[in-house]
Amino acid sequence: MAKDSAAAADPGADRDVRGQLERLLAERSQELGEALRQQAATADVLRALSRPRFDLKAVLSVLVETAARLCDADQSLVFRFDGSRFHLAADHGYAEDLRRFLEAHPLAIGRGTTMGRIALERTTIHIADVLADPDYTFLEGQKRGGWRAVLGVPLIRDGRLIGGFSLNRTEPRPFTERQIALVTTFADQAVIALE
């Protein structure tokens, strides 16, 4: 009789183990799919960088569009830094009005913007919600673009800041460590393109 009750318990345990294995397999398949998408995107960028007739605008456009898509961002930008201000070099997901606004108002060094903080700190800046950050003062741009979460990565060449790479989300949802690492890779490629 004890054997019968143990046998009756086994099918449930088998289902639990099978369910766990299926979840693990699905998670791993998703991770592998994401890794393949990232490799394909990196290959696209490298192809654009190695074309005989180099087109900076085209390369930066590929970078910002691909980074936005892979990191689930609504907007993506690359800025050039002239030593005192950041100038828009390429964007994805911005309306023409916002693009003109940014071109007319280059971003200064300071804590009020993501790029300004990059210039001060020379490190990745991640703000989960700009409206909850008391130092973030670029509210006219934020209102026009509607972003809430921002991620900025400095573009540094030979110890010198040459620009910044930024991703924005219109909802206050932080970027993951994997996404931050991916944007850092794209920022490295943007440095190559800009130089």
C-alpha atoms as a PDB file:
ATOM      1  CA  MET A   1       0.000   0.000   0.000  1.00  0.00           C
ATOM      2  CA  ALA A   2       2.923   2.349   0.705  1.00  0.00           C
ATOM      3  CA  LYS A   3       4.196   1.585  -2.791  1.00  0.00           C
ATOM      4  CA  ASP A   4       0.852   2.618  -4.297  1.00  0.00           C
ATOM      5  CA  SER A   5       0.807   5.990  -2.496  1.00  0.00           C
ATOM      6  CA  ALA A   6       4.446   6.689  -3.472  1.00  0.00           C
ATOM      7  CA  ALA A   7       3.642   5.882  -7.092  1.00  0.00           C
ATOM      8  CA  ALA A   8       0.634   8.177  -6.957  1.00  0.00           C
ATOM      9  CA  ALA A   9       2.855  11.039  -5.722  1.00  0.00           C
ATOM     10  CA  ASP A  10       5.432  10.572  -8.498  1.00  0.00           C
ATOM     11  CA  PRO A  11       3.310  11.885 -11.397  1.00  0.00           C
ATOM     12  CA  GLY A  12       2.922  15.264  -9.664  1.00  0.00           C
ATOM     13  CA  ALA A  13       6.629  15.452  -8.930  1.00  0.00           C
ATOM     14  CA  ASP A  14       7.383  14.539 -12.535  1.00  0.00           C
ATOM     15  CA  ARG A  15       5.092  17.356 -13.733  1.00  0.00           C
ATOM     16  CA  ASP A  16       6.843  19.850 -11.430  1.00  0.00           C
ATOM     17  CA  VAL A  17      10.290  18.834 -12.662  1.00  0.00           C
ATOM     18  CA  ARG A  18       9.097  18.876 -16.285  1.00  0.00           C
ATOM     19  CA  GLY A  19       7.580  22.337 -15.756  1.00  0.00           C
ATOM     20  CA  GLN A  20      10.818  23.651 -14.267  1.00  0.00           C
ATOM     21  CA  LEU A  21      12.834  22.211 -17.136  1.00  0.00           C
ATOM     22  CA  GLU A  22      10.477  23.749 -19.693  1.00  0.00           C
ATOM     23  CA  ARG A  23      10.769  27.171 -18.018  1.00  0.00           C
ATOM     24  CA  LEU A  24      14.561  26.904 -17.934  1.00  0.00           C
ATOM     25  CA  LEU A  25      14.630  25.863 -21.587  1.00  0.00           C
ATOM     26  CA  ALA A  26      12.375  28.778 -22.561  1.00  0.00           C
ATOM     27  CA  GLU A  27      14.551  31.246 -20.608  1.00  0.00           C
ATOM     28  CA  ARG A  28      17.725  29.910 -22.188  1.00  0.00           C
ATOM     29  CA  SER A  29      16.175  30.000 -25.668  1.00  0.00           C
ATOM     30  CA  GLN A  30      15.193  33.622 -25.102  1.00  0.00           C
ATOM     31  CA  GLU A  31      18.726  34.486 -23.921  1.00  0.00           C
ATOM     32  CA  LEU A  32      20.260  32.785 -26.963  1.00  0.00           C
ATOM     33  CA  GLY A  33      17.844  34.569 -29.298  1.00  0.00           C
ATOM     34  CA  GLU A  34      18.755  37.901 -27.717  1.00  0.00           C
ATOM     35  CA  ALA A  35      22.465  37.139 -28.034  1.00  0.00           C
ATOM     36  CA  LEU A  36      22.015  36.279 -31.717  1.00  0.00           C
ATOM     37  CA  ARG A  37      20.083  39.527 -32.339  1.00  0.00           C
ATOM     38  CA  GLN A  38      22.859  41.480 -30.620  1.00  0.00           C
ATOM     39  CA  GLN A  39      25.547  39.762 -32.699  1.00  0.00           C
ATOM     40  CA  ALA A  40      23.630  40.407 -35.918  1.00  0.00           C
ATOM     41  CA  ALA A  41      23.177  44.070 -34.973  1.00  0.00           C
ATOM     42  CA  THR A  42      26.873  44.424 -34.154  1.00  0.00           C
ATOM     43  CA  ALA A  43      27.738  42.846 -37.512  1.00  0.00           C
ATOM     44  CA  ASP A  44      25.476  45.383 -39.273  1.00  0.00           C
ATOM     45  CA  VAL A  45      27.275  48.246 -37.558  1.00  0.00           C
ATOM     46  CA  LEU A  46      30.708  46.814 -38.344  1.00  0.00           C
ATOM     47  CA  ARG A  47      29.698  46.446 -42.008  1.00  0.00           C
ATOM     48  CA  ALA A  48      28.608  50.092 -42.055  1.00  0.00           C
ATOM     49  CA  LEU A  49      31.926  51.131 -40.469  1.00  0.00           C
ATOM     50  CA  SER A  50      33.987  49.185 -43.001  1.00  0.00           C
ATOM     51  CA  ARG A  51      32.294  50.396 -46.198  1.00  0.00           C
ATOM     52  CA  PRO A  52      34.748  51.909 -48.690  1.00  0.00           C
ATOM     53  CA  ARG A  53      32.718  55.123 -48.823  1.00  0.00           C
ATOM     54  CA  PHE A  54      32.246  55.986 -45.164  1.00  0.00           C
ATOM     55  CA  ASP A  55      29.067  57.902 -44.303  1.00  0.00           C
ATOM     56  CA  LEU A  56      29.139  59.051 -40.653  1.00  0.00           C
ATOM     57  CA  LYS A  57      25.453  59.988 -40.547  1.00  0.00           C
ATOM     58  CA  ALA A  58      24.443  56.560 -41.905  1.00  0.00           C
ATOM     59  CA  VAL A  59      26.651  54.708 -39.403  1.00  0.00           C
ATOM     60  CA  LEU A  60      25.346  56.724 -36.447  1.00  0.00           C
ATOM     61  CA  SER A  61      21.762  56.240 -37.663  1.00  0.00           C
ATOM     62  CA  VAL A  62      22.265  52.465 -37.721  1.00  0.00           C
ATOM     63  CA  LEU A  63      23.755  52.615 -34.217  1.00  0.00           C
ATOM     64  CA  VAL A  64      20.946  54.623 -32.621  1.00  0.00           C
ATOM     65  CA  GLU A  65      18.142  52.703 -34.337  1.00  0.00           C
ATOM     66  CA  THR A  66      19.635  49.313 -33.456  1.00  0.00           C
ATOM     67  CA  ALA A  67      20.376  50.270 -29.847  1.00  0.00           C
ATOM     68  CA  ALA A  68      16.814  51.530 -29.358  1.00  0.00           C
ATOM     69  CA  ARG A  69      15.338  48.343 -30.829  1.00  0.00           C
ATOM     70  CA  LEU A  70      17.531  45.932 -28.856  1.00  0.00           C
ATOM     71  CA  CYS A  71      17.172  47.806 -25.554  1.00  0.00           C
ATOM     72  CA  ASP A  72      13.424  48.431 -25.806  1.00  0.00           C
ATOM     73  CA  ALA A  73      13.925  52.212 -25.838  1.00  0.00           C
ATOM     74  CA  ASP A  74      11.605  54.739 -27.434  1.00  0.00           C
ATOM     75  CA  GLN A  75      14.384  57.154 -28.409  1.00  0.00           C
ATOM     76  CA  SER A  76      18.100  57.017 -28.945  1.00  0.00           C
ATOM     77  CA  LEU A  77      20.701  59.707 -29.662  1.00  0.00           C
ATOM     78  CA  VAL A  78      24.366  60.342 -30.231  1.00  0.00           C
ATOM     79  CA  PHE A  79      25.836  63.716 -29.299  1.00  0.00           C
ATOM     80  CA  ARG A  80      29.208  65.216 -30.200  1.00  0.00           C
ATOM     81  CA  PHE A  81      31.020  67.134 -27.484  1.00  0.00           C
ATOM     82  CA  ASP A  82      32.990  70.255 -28.471  1.00  0.00           C
ATOM     83  CA  GLY A  83      34.638  70.787 -25.091  1.00  0.00           C
ATOM     84  CA  SER A  84      31.814  72.805 -23.573  1.00  0.00           C
ATOM     85  CA  ARG A  85      28.525  71.658 -25.170  1.00  0.00           C
ATOM     86  CA  PHE A  86      26.893  68.577 -26.631  1.00  0.00           C
ATOM     87  CA  HIS A  87      25.539  68.815 -30.199  1.00  0.00           C
ATOM     88  CA  LEU A  88      23.045  66.369 -31.685  1.00  0.00           C
ATOM     89  CA  ALA A  89      24.751  64.083 -34.227  1.00  0.00           C
ATOM     90  CA  ALA A  90      22.084  61.391 -34.809  1.00  0.00           C
ATOM     91  CA  ASP A  91      18.752  60.389 -33.345  1.00  0.00           C
ATOM     92  CA  HIS A  92      16.050  57.749 -33.547  1.00  0.00           C
ATOM     93  CA  GLY A  93      12.446  58.196 -32.427  1.00  0.00           C
ATOM     94  CA  TYR A  94      12.460  61.995 -32.185  1.00  0.00           C
ATOM     95  CA  ALA A  95       9.875  64.271 -33.762  1.00  0.00           C
ATOM     96  CA  GLU A  96      11.197  67.003 -36.050  1.00  0.00           C
ATOM     97  CA  ASP A  97      10.188  69.667 -33.495  1.00  0.00           C
ATOM     98  CA  LEU A  98      12.328  68.074 -30.776  1.00  0.00           C
ATOM     99  CA  ARG A  99      15.242  67.568 -33.169  1.00  0.00           C
ATOM    100  CA  ARG A 100      15.176  71.283 -34.090  1.00  0.00           C
ATOM    101  CA  PHE A 101      14.926  72.209 -30.391  1.00  0.00           C
ATOM    102  CA  LEU A 102      18.026  70.142 -29.530  1.00  0.00           C
ATOM    103  CA  GLU A 103      19.948  71.534 -32.489  1.00  0.00           C
ATOM    104  CA  ALA A 104      19.115  75.082 -31.349  1.00  0.00           C
ATOM    105  CA  HIS A 105      19.922  74.354 -27.674  1.00  0.00           C
ATOM    106  CA  PRO A 106      23.165  72.367 -27.328  1.00  0.00           C
ATOM    107  CA  LEU A 107      23.482  70.754 -23.905  1.00  0.00           C
ATOM    108  CA  ALA A 108      25.905  72.318 -21.420  1.00  0.00           C
ATOM    109  CA  ILE A 109      28.010  70.655 -18.747  1.00  0.00           C
ATOM    110  CA  GLY A 110      26.068  70.308 -15.503  1.00  0.00           C
ATOM    111  CA  ARG A 111      23.818  68.042 -13.469  1.00  0.00           C
ATOM    112  CA  GLY A 112      20.606  69.218 -15.174  1.00  0.00           C
ATOM    113  CA  THR A 113      20.903  66.842 -18.160  1.00  0.00           C
ATOM    114  CA  THR A 114      22.148  63.322 -18.725  1.00  0.00           C
ATOM    115  CA  MET A 115      24.849  64.533 -21.132  1.00  0.00           C
ATOM    116  CA  GLY A 116      25.885  67.290 -18.716  1.00  0.00           C
ATOM    117  CA  ARG A 117      26.396  64.694 -15.986  1.00  0.00           C
ATOM    118  CA  ILE A 118      28.423  62.554 -18.354  1.00  0.00           C
ATOM    119  CA  ALA A 119      30.755  65.516 -18.888  1.00  0.00           C
ATOM    120  CA  LEU A 120      31.141  65.967 -15.135  1.00  0.00           C
ATOM    121  CA  GLU A 121      31.481  62.329 -14.115  1.00  0.00           C
ATOM    122  CA  ARG A 122      32.848  60.616 -17.247  1.00  0.00           C
ATOM    123  CA  THR A 123      30.816  57.524 -16.441  1.00  0.00           C
ATOM    124  CA  THR A 124      27.520  55.891 -17.386  1.00  0.00           C
ATOM    125  CA  ILE A 125      24.509  57.812 -16.081  1.00  0.00           C
ATOM    126  CA  HIS A 126      21.244  55.958 -15.450  1.00  0.00           C
ATOM    127  CA  ILE A 127      18.167  57.821 -14.233  1.00  0.00           C
ATOM    128  CA  ALA A 128      15.118  55.598 -13.695  1.00  0.00           C
ATOM    129  CA  ASP A 129      12.736  58.592 -13.616  1.00  0.00           C
ATOM    130  CA  VAL A 130      13.904  62.096 -14.516  1.00  0.00           C
ATOM    131  CA  LEU A 131      10.780  63.621 -12.944  1.00  0.00           C
ATOM    132  CA  ALA A 132      11.788  62.154  -9.569  1.00  0.00           C
ATOM    133  CA  ASP A 133      15.388  63.404  -9.844  1.00  0.00           C
ATOM    134  CA  PRO A 134      15.759  66.832  -8.180  1.00  0.00           C
ATOM    135  CA  ASP A 135      18.955  67.613 -10.137  1.00  0.00           C
ATOM    136  CA  TYR A 136      17.399  66.983 -13.552  1.00  0.00           C
ATOM    137  CA  THR A 137      16.345  70.387 -14.909  1.00  0.00           C
ATOM    138  CA  PHE A 138      16.077  69.833 -18.679  1.00  0.00           C
ATOM    139  CA  LEU A 139      12.295  69.851 -18.369  1.00  0.00           C
ATOM    140  CA  GLU A 140      11.564  71.702 -21.616  1.00  0.00           C
ATOM    141  CA  GLY A 141      13.316  68.936 -23.564  1.00  0.00           C
ATOM    142  CA  GLN A 142      11.703  66.268 -21.396  1.00  0.00           C
ATOM    143  CA  LYS A 143       8.253  67.733 -21.996  1.00  0.00           C
ATOM    144  CA  ARG A 144       8.793  67.817 -25.773  1.00  0.00           C
ATOM    145  CA  GLY A 145      10.239  64.288 -25.896  1.00  0.00           C
ATOM    146  CA  GLY A 146       8.157  62.707 -23.136  1.00  0.00           C
ATOM    147  CA  TRP A 147      11.008  60.597 -21.777  1.00  0.00           C
ATOM    148  CA  ARG A 148      11.107  59.434 -18.182  1.00  0.00           C
ATOM    149  CA  ALA A 149      13.919  56.859 -17.937  1.00  0.00           C
ATOM    150  CA  VAL A 150      17.287  57.782 -19.455  1.00  0.00           C
ATOM    151  CA  LEU A 151      20.590  56.019 -19.922  1.00  0.00           C
ATOM    152  CA  GLY A 152      23.678  57.924 -21.024  1.00  0.00           C
ATOM    153  CA  VAL A 153      27.087  56.481 -21.864  1.00  0.00           C
ATOM    154  CA  PRO A 154      30.143  58.675 -22.450  1.00  0.00           C
ATOM    155  CA  LEU A 155      32.058  58.464 -25.712  1.00  0.00           C
ATOM    156  CA  ILE A 156      35.710  58.620 -24.697  1.00  0.00           C
ATOM    157  CA  ARG A 157      38.741  58.423 -26.978  1.00  0.00           C
ATOM    158  CA  ASP A 158      42.263  58.388 -25.514  1.00  0.00           C
ATOM    159  CA  GLY A 159      40.943  59.745 -22.214  1.00  0.00           C
ATOM    160  CA  ARG A 160      39.140  62.635 -23.946  1.00  0.00           C
ATOM    161  CA  LEU A 161      35.349  63.029 -23.938  1.00  0.00           C
ATOM    162  CA  ILE A 162      34.136  63.319 -27.541  1.00  0.00           C
ATOM    163  CA  GLY A 163      30.396  62.753 -27.086  1.00  0.00           C
ATOM    164  CA  GLY A 164      27.617  60.767 -25.485  1.00  0.00           C
ATOM    165  CA  PHE A 165      25.179  58.000 -26.377  1.00  0.00           C
ATOM    166  CA  SER A 166      21.715  58.189 -24.851  1.00  0.00           C
ATOM    167  CA  LEU A 167      18.629  55.972 -24.704  1.00  0.00           C
ATOM    168  CA  ASN A 168      15.252  57.180 -23.445  1.00  0.00           C
ATOM    169  CA  ARG A 169      12.023  55.490 -22.416  1.00  0.00           C
ATOM    170  CA  THR A 170       8.705  57.263 -22.109  1.00  0.00           C
ATOM    171  CA  GLU A 171       7.876  55.287 -18.993  1.00  0.00           C
ATOM    172  CA  PRO A 172       9.893  55.206 -15.750  1.00  0.00           C
ATOM    173  CA  ARG A 173      11.330  51.724 -16.279  1.00  0.00           C
ATOM    174  CA  PRO A 174      15.047  51.202 -15.600  1.00  0.00           C
ATOM    175  CA  PHE A 175      17.414  49.619 -18.086  1.00  0.00           C
ATOM    176  CA  THR A 176      18.868  46.201 -17.230  1.00  0.00           C
ATOM    177  CA  GLU A 177      22.546  45.474 -16.699  1.00  0.00           C
ATOM    178  CA  ARG A 178      22.581  43.547 -19.983  1.00  0.00           C
ATOM    179  CA  GLN A 179      21.106  46.541 -21.837  1.00  0.00           C
ATOM    180  CA  ILE A 180      23.633  48.890 -20.233  1.00  0.00           C
ATOM    181  CA  ALA A 181      26.461  46.585 -21.350  1.00  0.00           C
ATOM    182  CA  LEU A 182      25.029  46.504 -24.883  1.00  0.00           C
ATOM    183  CA  VAL A 183      24.776  50.305 -25.065  1.00  0.00           C
ATOM    184  CA  THR A 184      28.377  50.516 -23.875  1.00  0.00           C
ATOM    185  CA  THR A 185      29.367  48.326 -26.837  1.00  0.00           C
ATOM    186  CA  PHE A 186      27.442  50.582 -29.213  1.00  0.00           C
ATOM    187  CA  ALA A 187      29.079  53.623 -27.616  1.00  0.00           C
ATOM    188  CA  ASP A 188      32.500  52.103 -28.357  1.00  0.00           C
ATOM    189  CA  GLN A 189      31.455  51.713 -31.992  1.00  0.00           C
ATOM    190  CA  ALA A 190      30.203  55.314 -32.077  1.00  0.00           C
ATOM    191  CA  VAL A 191      33.638  56.457 -30.856  1.00  0.00           C
ATOM    192  CA  ILE A 192      35.245  54.639 -33.788  1.00  0.00           C
ATOM    193  CA  ALA A 193      32.809  56.276 -36.205  1.00  0.00           C
ATOM    194  CA  LEU A 194      33.256  59.776 -34.804  1.00  0.00           C
ATOM    195  CA  GLU A 195      37.041  59.540 -34.784  1.00  0.00           C
END
